[in-house]
PDB file of N, CA and C in Angstrom:
ATOM      1  N   UNK A   1       0.821  -1.202   0.000  1.00  0.00           N
ATOM      2  CA  UNK A   1       0.000   0.000   0.000  1.00  0.00           C
ATOM      3  C   UNK A   1       0.862   1.262   0.000  1.00  0.00           C
ATOM      4  N   UNK A   2       1.943   1.234   0.770  1.00  0.00           N
ATOM      5  CA  UNK A   2       2.845   2.376   0.853  1.00  0.00           C
ATOM      6  C   UNK A   2       3.438   2.703  -0.516  1.00  0.00           C
ATOM      7  N   UNK A   3       3.857   1.679  -1.231  1.00  0.00           N
ATOM      8  CA  UNK A   3       4.464   1.886  -2.544  1.00  0.00           C
ATOM      9  C   UNK A   3       3.469   2.483  -3.544  1.00  0.00           C
ATOM     10  N   UNK A   4       2.203   2.069  -3.440  1.00  0.00           N
ATOM     11  CA  UNK A   4       1.171   2.603  -4.335  1.00  0.00           C
ATOM     12  C   UNK A   4       0.972   4.091  -4.069  1.00  0.00           C
ATOM     13  N   UNK A   5       0.871   4.458  -2.796  1.00  0.00           N
ATOM     14  CA  UNK A   5       0.687   5.868  -2.433  1.00  0.00           C
ATOM     15  C   UNK A   5       1.904   6.686  -2.859  1.00  0.00           C
ATOM     16  N   UNK A   6       3.089   6.144  -2.630  1.00  0.00           N
ATOM     17  CA  UNK A   6       4.308   6.848  -3.010  1.00  0.00           C
ATOM     18  C   UNK A   6       4.373   7.036  -4.523  1.00  0.00           C
ATOM     19  N   UNK A   7       4.015   6.020  -5.274  1.00  0.00           N
ATOM     20  CA  UNK A   7       4.016   6.110  -6.733  1.00  0.00           C
ATOM     21  C   UNK A   7       2.985   7.123  -7.223  1.00  0.00           C
ATOM     22  N   UNK A   8       1.787   7.100  -6.619  1.00  0.00           N
ATOM     23  CA  UNK A   8       0.753   8.065  -6.997  1.00  0.00           C
ATOM     24  C   UNK A   8       1.192   9.499  -6.700  1.00  0.00           C
ATOM     25  N   UNK A   9       1.836   9.702  -5.557  1.00  0.00           N
ATOM     26  CA  UNK A   9       2.323  11.043  -5.206  1.00  0.00           C
ATOM     27  C   UNK A   9       3.398  11.501  -6.191  1.00  0.00           C
ATOM     28  N   UNK A  10       4.270  10.583  -6.594  1.00  0.00           N
ATOM     29  CA  UNK A  10       5.303  10.931  -7.579  1.00  0.00           C
ATOM     30  C   UNK A  10       4.683  11.330  -8.912  1.00  0.00           C
ATOM     31  N   UNK A  11       3.718  10.537  -9.381  1.00  0.00           N
ATOM     32  CA  UNK A  11       3.070  10.856 -10.657  1.00  0.00           C
ATOM     33  C   UNK A  11       2.268  12.156 -10.571  1.00  0.00           C
ATOM     34  N   UNK A  12       1.623  12.393  -9.439  1.00  0.00           N
ATOM     35  CA  UNK A  12       0.894  13.644  -9.263  1.00  0.00           C
ATOM     36  C   UNK A  12       1.867  14.830  -9.289  1.00  0.00           C
ATOM     37  N   UNK A  13       3.043  14.647  -8.705  1.00  0.00           N
ATOM     38  CA  UNK A  13       4.074  15.686  -8.744  1.00  0.00           C
ATOM     39  C   UNK A  13       4.553  15.946 -10.158  1.00  0.00           C
ATOM     40  N   UNK A  14       4.772  14.885 -10.921  1.00  0.00           N
ATOM     41  CA  UNK A  14       5.182  15.050 -12.316  1.00  0.00           C
ATOM     42  C   UNK A  14       4.090  15.746 -13.125  1.00  0.00           C
ATOM     43  N   UNK A  15       2.836  15.398 -12.844  1.00  0.00           N
ATOM     44  CA  UNK A  15       1.714  16.023 -13.536  1.00  0.00           C
ATOM     45  C   UNK A  15       1.663  17.525 -13.228  1.00  0.00           C
ATOM     46  N   UNK A  16       1.853  17.883 -11.952  1.00  0.00           N
ATOM     47  CA  UNK A  16       1.852  19.296 -11.562  1.00  0.00           C
ATOM     48  C   UNK A  16       3.020  20.038 -12.211  1.00  0.00           C
ATOM     49  N   UNK A  17       4.182  19.397 -12.341  1.00  0.00           N
ATOM     50  CA  UNK A  17       5.311  20.024 -13.025  1.00  0.00           C
ATOM     51  C   UNK A  17       5.002  20.245 -14.495  1.00  0.00           C
ATOM     52  N   UNK A  18       4.318  19.286 -15.108  1.00  0.00           N
ATOM     53  CA  UNK A  18       3.925  19.437 -16.507  1.00  0.00           C
ATOM     54  C   UNK A  18       2.959  20.587 -16.696  1.00  0.00           C
ATOM     55  N   UNK A  19       1.997  20.692 -15.788  1.00  0.00           N
ATOM     56  CA  UNK A  19       1.051  21.811 -15.854  1.00  0.00           C
ATOM     57  C   UNK A  19       1.793  23.139 -15.705  1.00  0.00           C
ATOM     58  N   UNK A  20       2.756  23.195 -14.774  1.00  0.00           N
ATOM     59  CA  UNK A  20       3.538  24.417 -14.578  1.00  0.00           C
ATOM     60  C   UNK A  20       4.290  24.781 -15.854  1.00  0.00           C
ATOM     61  N   UNK A  21       4.891  23.793 -16.498  1.00  0.00           N
ATOM     62  CA  UNK A  21       5.632  24.067 -17.732  1.00  0.00           C
ATOM     63  C   UNK A  21       4.696  24.582 -18.822  1.00  0.00           C
ATOM     64  N   UNK A  22       3.520  23.974 -18.943  1.00  0.00           N
ATOM     65  CA  UNK A  22       2.556  24.415 -19.951  1.00  0.00           C
ATOM     66  C   UNK A  22       2.108  25.847 -19.675  1.00  0.00           C
ATOM     67  N   UNK A  23       1.806  26.148 -18.416  1.00  0.00           N
ATOM     68  CA  UNK A  23       1.367  27.501 -18.054  1.00  0.00           C
ATOM     69  C   UNK A  23       2.444  28.526 -18.388  1.00  0.00           C
ATOM     70  N   UNK A  24       3.686  28.222 -18.072  1.00  0.00           N
ATOM     71  CA  UNK A  24       4.777  29.162 -18.325  1.00  0.00           C
ATOM     72  C   UNK A  24       5.004  29.345 -19.823  1.00  0.00           C
ATOM     73  N   UNK A  25       4.976  28.255 -20.578  1.00  0.00           N
ATOM     74  CA  UNK A  25       5.188  28.360 -22.028  1.00  0.00           C
ATOM     75  C   UNK A  25       4.048  29.132 -22.686  1.00  0.00           C
ATOM     76  N   UNK A  26       2.804  28.816 -22.325  1.00  0.00           N
ATOM     77  CA  UNK A  26       1.656  29.528 -22.909  1.00  0.00           C
ATOM     78  C   UNK A  26       1.704  31.002 -22.526  1.00  0.00           C
ATOM     79  N   UNK A  27       2.033  31.296 -21.275  1.00  0.00           N
ATOM     80  CA  UNK A  27       2.146  32.690 -20.844  1.00  0.00           C
ATOM     81  C   UNK A  27       3.249  33.431 -21.578  1.00  0.00           C
ATOM     82  N   UNK A  28       4.375  32.764 -21.814  1.00  0.00           N
ATOM     83  CA  UNK A  28       5.464  33.401 -22.558  1.00  0.00           C
ATOM     84  C   UNK A  28       5.050  33.675 -24.000  1.00  0.00           C
ATOM     85  N   UNK A  29       4.355  32.718 -24.607  1.00  0.00           N
ATOM     86  CA  UNK A  29       3.881  32.936 -25.979  1.00  0.00           C
ATOM     87  C   UNK A  29       2.871  34.073 -26.040  1.00  0.00           C
ATOM     88  N   UNK A  30       1.976  34.135 -25.060  1.00  0.00           N
ATOM     89  CA  UNK A  30       1.012  35.234 -25.020  1.00  0.00           C
ATOM     90  C   UNK A  30       1.725  36.575 -24.830  1.00  0.00           C
ATOM     91  N   UNK A  31       2.736  36.598 -23.973  1.00  0.00           N
ATOM     92  CA  UNK A  31       3.475  37.835 -23.738  1.00  0.00           C
ATOM     93  C   UNK A  31       4.191  38.290 -25.007  1.00  0.00           C
ATOM     94  N   UNK A  32       4.768  37.353 -25.726  1.00  0.00           N
ATOM     95  CA  UNK A  32       5.433  37.697 -26.985  1.00  0.00           C
ATOM     96  C   UNK A  32       4.406  38.224 -27.988  1.00  0.00           C
ATOM     97  N   UNK A  33       3.247  37.592 -28.040  1.00  0.00           N
ATOM     98  CA  UNK A  33       2.196  38.036 -28.965  1.00  0.00           C
ATOM     99  C   UNK A  33       1.717  39.450 -28.606  1.00  0.00           C
ATOM    100  N   UNK A  34       1.473  39.671 -27.331  1.00  0.00           N
ATOM    101  CA  UNK A  34       1.036  41.002 -26.891  1.00  0.00           C
ATOM    102  C   UNK A  34       2.102  42.039 -27.236  1.00  0.00           C
ATOM    103  N   UNK A  35       3.344  41.713 -26.964  1.00  0.00           N
ATOM    104  CA  UNK A  35       4.431  42.641 -27.282  1.00  0.00           C
ATOM    105  C   UNK A  35       4.473  42.926 -28.776  1.00  0.00           C
ATOM    106  N   UNK A  36       4.375  41.868 -29.570  1.00  0.00           N
ATOM    107  CA  UNK A  36       4.447  42.038 -31.022  1.00  0.00           C
ATOM    108  C   UNK A  36       3.299  42.898 -31.541  1.00  0.00           C
ATOM    109  N   UNK A  37       2.082  42.597 -31.104  1.00  0.00           N
ATOM    110  CA  UNK A  37       0.910  43.307 -31.614  1.00  0.00           C
ATOM    111  C   UNK A  37       0.845  44.732 -31.088  1.00  0.00           C
ATOM    112  N   UNK A  38       1.005  44.909 -29.785  1.00  0.00           N
ATOM    113  CA  UNK A  38       0.791  46.232 -29.184  1.00  0.00           C
ATOM    114  C   UNK A  38       2.009  47.131 -29.233  1.00  0.00           C
ATOM    115  N   UNK A  39       3.186  46.561 -29.084  1.00  0.00           N
ATOM    116  CA  UNK A  39       4.370  47.412 -29.030  1.00  0.00           C
ATOM    117  C   UNK A  39       4.972  47.656 -30.408  1.00  0.00           C
ATOM    118  N   UNK A  40       4.978  46.653 -31.235  1.00  0.00           N
ATOM    119  CA  UNK A  40       5.630  46.822 -32.528  1.00  0.00           C
ATOM    120  C   UNK A  40       4.676  47.301 -33.619  1.00  0.00           C
ATOM    121  N   UNK A  41       3.481  46.742 -33.670  1.00  0.00           N
ATOM    122  CA  UNK A  41       2.565  47.095 -34.750  1.00  0.00           C
ATOM    123  C   UNK A  41       1.784  48.374 -34.492  1.00  0.00           C
ATOM    124  N   UNK A  42       1.342  48.577 -33.243  1.00  0.00           N
ATOM    125  CA  UNK A  42       0.526  49.764 -32.985  1.00  0.00           C
ATOM    126  C   UNK A  42       1.333  50.924 -32.417  1.00  0.00           C
ATOM    127  N   UNK A  43       2.618  50.737 -32.251  1.00  0.00           N
ATOM    128  CA  UNK A  43       3.542  51.784 -31.818  1.00  0.00           C
ATOM    129  C   UNK A  43       3.201  52.399 -30.461  1.00  0.00           C
ATOM    130  N   UNK A  44       2.584  51.610 -29.581  1.00  0.00           N
ATOM    131  CA  UNK A  44       2.376  52.083 -28.205  1.00  0.00           C
ATOM    132  C   UNK A  44       3.401  51.372 -27.332  1.00  0.00           C
ATOM    133  N   UNK A  45       4.626  51.793 -27.453  1.00  0.00           N
ATOM    134  CA  UNK A  45       5.764  51.065 -26.906  1.00  0.00           C
ATOM    135  C   UNK A  45       5.640  50.707 -25.430  1.00  0.00           C
ATOM    136  N   UNK A  46       5.551  51.694 -24.570  1.00  0.00           N
ATOM    137  CA  UNK A  46       5.608  51.443 -23.139  1.00  0.00           C
ATOM    138  C   UNK A  46       4.411  50.636 -22.647  1.00  0.00           C
ATOM    139  N   UNK A  47       3.234  50.977 -23.097  1.00  0.00           N
ATOM    140  CA  UNK A  47       2.045  50.263 -22.640  1.00  0.00           C
ATOM    141  C   UNK A  47       2.063  48.813 -23.120  1.00  0.00           C
ATOM    142  N   UNK A  48       2.466  48.574 -24.342  1.00  0.00           N
ATOM    143  CA  UNK A  48       2.548  47.213 -24.871  1.00  0.00           C
ATOM    144  C   UNK A  48       3.585  46.382 -24.145  1.00  0.00           C
ATOM    145  N   UNK A  49       4.717  46.994 -23.865  1.00  0.00           N
ATOM    146  CA  UNK A  49       5.775  46.284 -23.128  1.00  0.00           C
ATOM    147  C   UNK A  49       5.291  45.935 -21.728  1.00  0.00           C
ATOM    148  N   UNK A  50       4.671  46.890 -21.054  1.00  0.00           N
ATOM    149  CA  UNK A  50       4.175  46.638 -19.699  1.00  0.00           C
ATOM    150  C   UNK A  50       3.089  45.572 -19.687  1.00  0.00           C
ATOM    151  N   UNK A  51       2.186  45.598 -20.666  1.00  0.00           N
ATOM    152  CA  UNK A  51       1.135  44.584 -20.710  1.00  0.00           C
ATOM    153  C   UNK A  51       1.714  43.199 -20.971  1.00  0.00           C
ATOM    154  N   UNK A  52       2.723  43.117 -21.813  1.00  0.00           N
ATOM    155  CA  UNK A  52       3.341  41.813 -22.056  1.00  0.00           C
ATOM    156  C   UNK A  52       4.099  41.332 -20.821  1.00  0.00           C
ATOM    157  N   UNK A  53       4.739  42.236 -20.106  1.00  0.00           N
ATOM    158  CA  UNK A  53       5.442  41.860 -18.875  1.00  0.00           C
ATOM    159  C   UNK A  53       4.457  41.388 -17.803  1.00  0.00           C
ATOM    160  N   UNK A  54       3.313  42.052 -17.729  1.00  0.00           N
ATOM    161  CA  UNK A  54       2.299  41.640 -16.757  1.00  0.00           C
ATOM    162  C   UNK A  54       1.787  40.243 -17.082  1.00  0.00           C
ATOM    163  N   UNK A  55       1.515  39.977 -18.350  1.00  0.00           N
ATOM    164  CA  UNK A  55       1.047  38.650 -18.753  1.00  0.00           C
ATOM    165  C   UNK A  55       2.081  37.589 -18.397  1.00  0.00           C
ATOM    166  N   UNK A  56       3.341  37.845 -18.728  1.00  0.00           N
ATOM    167  CA  UNK A  56       4.407  36.897 -18.420  1.00  0.00           C
ATOM    168  C   UNK A  56       4.563  36.726 -16.915  1.00  0.00           C
ATOM    169  N   UNK A  57       4.488  37.816 -16.184  1.00  0.00           N
ATOM    170  CA  UNK A  57       4.632  37.745 -14.726  1.00  0.00           C
ATOM    171  C   UNK A  57       3.546  36.903 -14.081  1.00  0.00           C
ATOM    172  N   UNK A  58       2.312  37.075 -14.531  1.00  0.00           N
ATOM    173  CA  UNK A  58       1.219  36.286 -13.957  1.00  0.00           C
ATOM    174  C   UNK A  58       1.383  34.803 -14.271  1.00  0.00           C
ATOM    175  N   UNK A  59       1.818  34.478 -15.473  1.00  0.00           N
ATOM    176  CA  UNK A  59       1.997  33.069 -15.800  1.00  0.00           C
ATOM    177  C   UNK A  59       3.178  32.479 -15.030  1.00  0.00           C
ATOM    178  N   UNK A  60       4.234  33.255 -14.839  1.00  0.00           N
ATOM    179  CA  UNK A  60       5.362  32.771 -14.036  1.00  0.00           C
ATOM    180  C   UNK A  60       4.946  32.549 -12.586  1.00  0.00           C
ATOM    181  N   UNK A  61       4.148  33.441 -12.055  1.00  0.00           N
ATOM    182  CA  UNK A  61       3.678  33.309 -10.682  1.00  0.00           C
ATOM    183  C   UNK A  61       2.839  32.044 -10.509  1.00  0.00           C
ATOM    184  N   UNK A  62       1.911  31.832 -11.424  1.00  0.00           N
ATOM    185  CA  UNK A  62       1.081  30.631 -11.347  1.00  0.00           C
ATOM    186  C   UNK A  62       1.919  29.375 -11.548  1.00  0.00           C
ATOM    187  N   UNK A  63       2.870  29.437 -12.474  1.00  0.00           N
ATOM    188  CA  UNK A  63       3.766  28.302 -12.684  1.00  0.00           C
ATOM    189  C   UNK A  63       4.583  27.980 -11.444  1.00  0.00           C
ATOM    190  N   UNK A  64       5.071  29.013 -10.749  1.00  0.00           N
ATOM    191  CA  UNK A  64       5.817  28.798  -9.506  1.00  0.00           C
ATOM    192  C   UNK A  64       4.954  28.125  -8.445  1.00  0.00           C
ATOM    193  N   UNK A  65       3.690  28.500  -8.370  1.00  0.00           N
ATOM    194  CA  UNK A  65       2.790  27.873  -7.396  1.00  0.00           C
ATOM    195  C   UNK A  65       2.616  26.384  -7.696  1.00  0.00           C
ATOM    196  N   UNK A  66       2.464  26.044  -8.970  1.00  0.00           N
ATOM    197  CA  UNK A  66       2.341  24.628  -9.332  1.00  0.00           C
ATOM    198  C   UNK A  66       3.635  23.868  -9.040  1.00  0.00           C
ATOM    199  N   UNK A  67       4.774  24.510  -9.258  1.00  0.00           N
ATOM    200  CA  UNK A  67       6.044  23.855  -8.964  1.00  0.00           C
ATOM    201  C   UNK A  67       6.223  23.613  -7.465  1.00  0.00           C
ATOM    202  N   UNK A  68       5.766  24.551  -6.650  1.00  0.00           N
ATOM    203  CA  UNK A  68       5.816  24.349  -5.199  1.00  0.00           C
ATOM    204  C   UNK A  68       4.946  23.156  -4.820  1.00  0.00           C
ATOM    205  N   UNK A  69       3.734  23.104  -5.378  1.00  0.00           N
ATOM    206  CA  UNK A  69       2.848  21.971  -5.114  1.00  0.00           C
ATOM    207  C   UNK A  69       3.460  20.652  -5.557  1.00  0.00           C
ATOM    208  N   UNK A  70       4.128  20.659  -6.700  1.00  0.00           N
ATOM    209  CA  UNK A  70       4.765  19.441  -7.203  1.00  0.00           C
ATOM    210  C   UNK A  70       5.869  18.978  -6.257  1.00  0.00           C
ATOM    211  N   UNK A  71       6.666  19.917  -5.763  1.00  0.00           N
ATOM    212  CA  UNK A  71       7.732  19.545  -4.826  1.00  0.00           C
ATOM    213  C   UNK A  71       7.165  18.984  -3.534  1.00  0.00           C
ATOM    214  N   UNK A  72       6.087  19.570  -3.058  1.00  0.00           N
ATOM    215  CA  UNK A  72       5.456  19.060  -1.833  1.00  0.00           C
ATOM    216  C   UNK A  72       4.922  17.655  -2.062  1.00  0.00           C
ATOM    217  N   UNK A  73       4.280  17.425  -3.190  1.00  0.00           N
ATOM    218  CA  UNK A  73       3.754  16.091  -3.497  1.00  0.00           C
ATOM    219  C   UNK A  73       4.868  15.052  -3.580  1.00  0.00           C
ATOM    220  N   UNK A  74       5.969  15.404  -4.177  1.00  0.00           N
ATOM    221  CA  UNK A  74       7.058  14.438  -4.353  1.00  0.00           C
ATOM    222  C   UNK A  74       7.707  14.040  -3.034  1.00  0.00           C
ATOM    223  N   UNK A  75       7.699  14.934  -2.058  1.00  0.00           N
ATOM    224  CA  UNK A  75       8.336  14.613  -0.781  1.00  0.00           C
ATOM    225  C   UNK A  75       7.324  14.337   0.323  1.00  0.00           C
ATOM    226  N   UNK A  76       6.051  14.222  -0.030  1.00  0.00           N
ATOM    227  CA  UNK A  76       5.004  14.059   0.983  1.00  0.00           C
ATOM    228  C   UNK A  76       5.032  12.705   1.669  1.00  0.00           C
ATOM    229  N   UNK A  77       5.448  11.676   0.988  1.00  0.00           N
ATOM    230  CA  UNK A  77       5.376  10.324   1.540  1.00  0.00           C
ATOM    231  C   UNK A  77       6.721   9.963   2.172  1.00  0.00           C
ATOM    232  N   UNK A  78       6.735   9.929   3.497  1.00  0.00           N
ATOM    233  CA  UNK A  78       7.898   9.520   4.299  1.00  0.00           C
ATOM    234  C   UNK A  78       9.204  10.179   3.865  1.00  0.00           C
ATOM    235  N   UNK A  79       9.283  11.501   3.972  1.00  0.00           N
ATOM    236  CA  UNK A  79      10.524  12.169   3.582  1.00  0.00           C
ATOM    237  C   UNK A  79      11.613  12.017   4.641  1.00  0.00           C
ATOM    238  N   UNK A  80      12.849  12.116   4.202  1.00  0.00           N
ATOM    239  CA  UNK A  80      13.969  12.139   5.141  1.00  0.00           C
ATOM    240  C   UNK A  80      14.199  13.589   5.564  1.00  0.00           C
ATOM    241  N   UNK A  81      15.015  13.772   6.593  1.00  0.00           N
ATOM    242  CA  UNK A  81      15.302  15.129   7.048  1.00  0.00           C
ATOM    243  C   UNK A  81      16.031  15.930   5.972  1.00  0.00           C
ATOM    244  N   UNK A  82      16.863  15.240   5.214  1.00  0.00           N
ATOM    245  CA  UNK A  82      17.565  15.901   4.122  1.00  0.00           C
ATOM    246  C   UNK A  82      16.578  16.395   3.070  1.00  0.00           C
ATOM    247  N   UNK A  83      15.596  15.571   2.710  1.00  0.00           N
ATOM    248  CA  UNK A  83      14.576  15.973   1.732  1.00  0.00           C
ATOM    249  C   UNK A  83      13.720  17.123   2.262  1.00  0.00           C
ATOM    250  N   UNK A  84      13.411  17.088   3.557  1.00  0.00           N
ATOM    251  CA  UNK A  84      12.625  18.175   4.156  1.00  0.00           C
ATOM    252  C   UNK A  84      13.406  19.487   4.098  1.00  0.00           C
ATOM    253  N   UNK A  85      14.695  19.434   4.390  1.00  0.00           N
ATOM    254  CA  UNK A  85      15.531  20.638   4.316  1.00  0.00           C
ATOM    255  C   UNK A  85      15.612  21.185   2.904  1.00  0.00           C
ATOM    256  N   UNK A  86      15.786  20.289   1.927  1.00  0.00           N
ATOM    257  CA  UNK A  86      15.831  20.729   0.528  1.00  0.00           C
ATOM    258  C   UNK A  86      14.495  21.322   0.107  1.00  0.00           C
ATOM    259  N   UNK A  87      13.405  20.685   0.517  1.00  0.00           N
ATOM    260  CA  UNK A  87      12.073  21.187   0.189  1.00  0.00           C
ATOM    261  C   UNK A  87      11.855  22.565   0.798  1.00  0.00           C
ATOM    262  N   UNK A  88      12.270  22.741   2.048  1.00  0.00           N
ATOM    263  CA  UNK A  88      12.108  24.038   2.707  1.00  0.00           C
ATOM    264  C   UNK A  88      12.897  25.122   1.978  1.00  0.00           C
ATOM    265  N   UNK A  89      14.110  24.802   1.548  1.00  0.00           N
ATOM    266  CA  UNK A  89      14.924  25.779   0.824  1.00  0.00           C
ATOM    267  C   UNK A  89      14.286  26.131  -0.520  1.00  0.00           C
ATOM    268  N   UNK A  90      13.829  25.114  -1.244  1.00  0.00           N
ATOM    269  CA  UNK A  90      13.210  25.351  -2.550  1.00  0.00           C
ATOM    270  C   UNK A  90      11.940  26.175  -2.399  1.00  0.00           C
ATOM    271  N   UNK A  91      11.100  25.802  -1.447  1.00  0.00           N
ATOM    272  CA  UNK A  91       9.851  26.534  -1.232  1.00  0.00           C
ATOM    273  C   UNK A  91      10.143  27.964  -0.792  1.00  0.00           C
ATOM    274  N   UNK A  92      11.123  28.140   0.063  1.00  0.00           N
ATOM    275  CA  UNK A  92      11.494  29.485   0.506  1.00  0.00           C
ATOM    276  C   UNK A  92      11.942  30.360  -0.646  1.00  0.00           C
ATOM    277  N   UNK A  93      12.809  29.839  -1.492  1.00  0.00           N
ATOM    278  CA  UNK A  93      13.297  30.608  -2.639  1.00  0.00           C
ATOM    279  C   UNK A  93      12.159  30.938  -3.585  1.00  0.00           C
ATOM    280  N   UNK A  94      11.327  29.944  -3.903  1.00  0.00           N
ATOM    281  CA  UNK A  94      10.230  30.175  -4.845  1.00  0.00           C
ATOM    282  C   UNK A  94       9.186  31.132  -4.271  1.00  0.00           C
ATOM    283  N   UNK A  95       8.953  31.066  -2.969  1.00  0.00           N
ATOM    284  CA  UNK A  95       7.990  31.967  -2.342  1.00  0.00           C
ATOM    285  C   UNK A  95       8.501  33.404  -2.366  1.00  0.00           C
ATOM    286  N   UNK A  96       9.774  33.598  -2.085  1.00  0.00           N
ATOM    287  CA  UNK A  96      10.361  34.941  -2.131  1.00  0.00           C
ATOM    288  C   UNK A  96      10.310  35.484  -3.559  1.00  0.00           C
ATOM    289  N   UNK A  97      10.656  34.650  -4.536  1.00  0.00           N
ATOM    290  CA  UNK A  97      10.573  35.075  -5.937  1.00  0.00           C
ATOM    291  C   UNK A  97       9.150  35.478  -6.298  1.00  0.00           C
ATOM    292  N   UNK A  98       8.189  34.664  -5.893  1.00  0.00           N
ATOM    293  CA  UNK A  98       6.791  34.942  -6.200  1.00  0.00           C
ATOM    294  C   UNK A  98       6.326  36.220  -5.507  1.00  0.00           C
ATOM    295  N   UNK A  99       6.756  36.437  -4.277  1.00  0.00           N
ATOM    296  CA  UNK A  99       6.372  37.640  -3.530  1.00  0.00           C
ATOM    297  C   UNK A  99       6.827  38.899  -4.257  1.00  0.00           C
ATOM    298  N   UNK A 100       8.104  38.937  -4.626  1.00  0.00           N
ATOM    299  CA  UNK A 100       8.624  40.133  -5.282  1.00  0.00           C
ATOM    300  C   UNK A 100       8.058  40.281  -6.693  1.00  0.00           C
ATOM    301  N   UNK A 101       7.802  39.176  -7.360  1.00  0.00           N
ATOM    302  CA  UNK A 101       7.169  39.237  -8.675  1.00  0.00           C
ATOM    303  C   UNK A 101       5.777  39.844  -8.574  1.00  0.00           C
ATOM    304  N   UNK A 102       5.008  39.429  -7.586  1.00  0.00           N
ATOM    305  CA  UNK A 102       3.658  39.962  -7.415  1.00  0.00           C
ATOM    306  C   UNK A 102       3.690  41.439  -7.025  1.00  0.00           C
ATOM    307  N   UNK A 103       4.663  41.850  -6.204  1.00  0.00           N
ATOM    308  CA  UNK A 103       4.782  43.277  -5.857  1.00  0.00           C
ATOM    309  C   UNK A 103       5.067  44.104  -7.103  1.00  0.00           C
ATOM    310  N   UNK A 104       5.946  43.615  -7.961  1.00  0.00           N
ATOM    311  CA  UNK A 104       6.254  44.346  -9.184  1.00  0.00           C
ATOM    312  C   UNK A 104       5.044  44.389 -10.113  1.00  0.00           C
ATOM    313  N   UNK A 105       4.307  43.288 -10.198  1.00  0.00           N
ATOM    314  CA  UNK A 105       3.110  43.264 -11.046  1.00  0.00           C
ATOM    315  C   UNK A 105       2.053  44.239 -10.543  1.00  0.00           C
ATOM    316  N   UNK A 106       1.867  44.313  -9.225  1.00  0.00           N
ATOM    317  CA  UNK A 106       0.912  45.263  -8.661  1.00  0.00           C
ATOM    318  C   UNK A 106       1.330  46.701  -8.971  1.00  0.00           C
ATOM    319  N   UNK A 107       2.616  46.980  -8.870  1.00  0.00           N
ATOM    320  CA  UNK A 107       3.112  48.321  -9.170  1.00  0.00           C
ATOM    321  C   UNK A 107       2.907  48.649 -10.645  1.00  0.00           C
ATOM    322  N   UNK A 108       3.159  47.706 -11.516  1.00  0.00           N
ATOM    323  CA  UNK A 108       2.961  47.944 -12.947  1.00  0.00           C
ATOM    324  C   UNK A 108       1.485  48.118 -13.269  1.00  0.00           C
ATOM    325  N   UNK A 109       0.607  47.364 -12.605  1.00  0.00           N
ATOM    326  CA  UNK A 109      -0.837  47.544 -12.802  1.00  0.00           C
ATOM    327  C   UNK A 109      -1.259  48.952 -12.419  1.00  0.00           C
ATOM    328  N   UNK A 110      -0.754  49.462 -11.295  1.00  0.00           N
ATOM    329  CA  UNK A 110      -1.084  50.819 -10.858  1.00  0.00           C
ATOM    330  C   UNK A 110      -0.577  51.854 -11.853  1.00  0.00           C
ATOM    331  N   UNK A 111       0.617  51.633 -12.403  1.00  0.00           N
ATOM    332  CA  UNK A 111       1.173  52.576 -13.375  1.00  0.00           C
ATOM    333  C   UNK A 111       0.341  52.596 -14.656  1.00  0.00           C
ATOM    334  N   UNK A 112      -0.117  51.439 -15.089  1.00  0.00           N
ATOM    335  CA  UNK A 112      -0.922  51.370 -16.308  1.00  0.00           C
ATOM    336  C   UNK A 112      -2.263  52.036 -16.098  1.00  0.00           C
ATOM    337  N   UNK A 113      -2.889  51.825 -14.939  1.00  0.00           N
ATOM    338  CA  UNK A 113      -4.196  52.418 -14.664  1.00  0.00           C
ATOM    339  C   UNK A 113      -4.124  53.919 -14.461  1.00  0.00           C
ATOM    340  N   UNK A 114      -2.972  54.423 -14.033  1.00  0.00           N
ATOM    341  CA  UNK A 114      -2.828  55.873 -13.776  1.00  0.00           C
ATOM    342  C   UNK A 114      -2.638  56.663 -15.053  1.00  0.00           C
TER     343      UNK A 114
END
């Protein structure tokens, strides 16, 4: 029974990593499209660049959340102290990155609305 749960948790972690990769790739493609259409074709440079950065930032933030979930799933079943320490470091780094990314996105949203 333990092996089945451990295997399911591993596959769920891989699935969450795949979702994170898809979200990041789709967000990057959308950001490139927004940049191309709004910044290059319509000549609204700053607004187009900011909108593409916001799109990319939101997809990166969501992707980071899925990656955190994937790491938790992979180490959820009987982790060692070493794995717990690595998980804590990874989650800490990703959470700090996400925090500052969201602060920058909020600031850019305010600048666009003003």
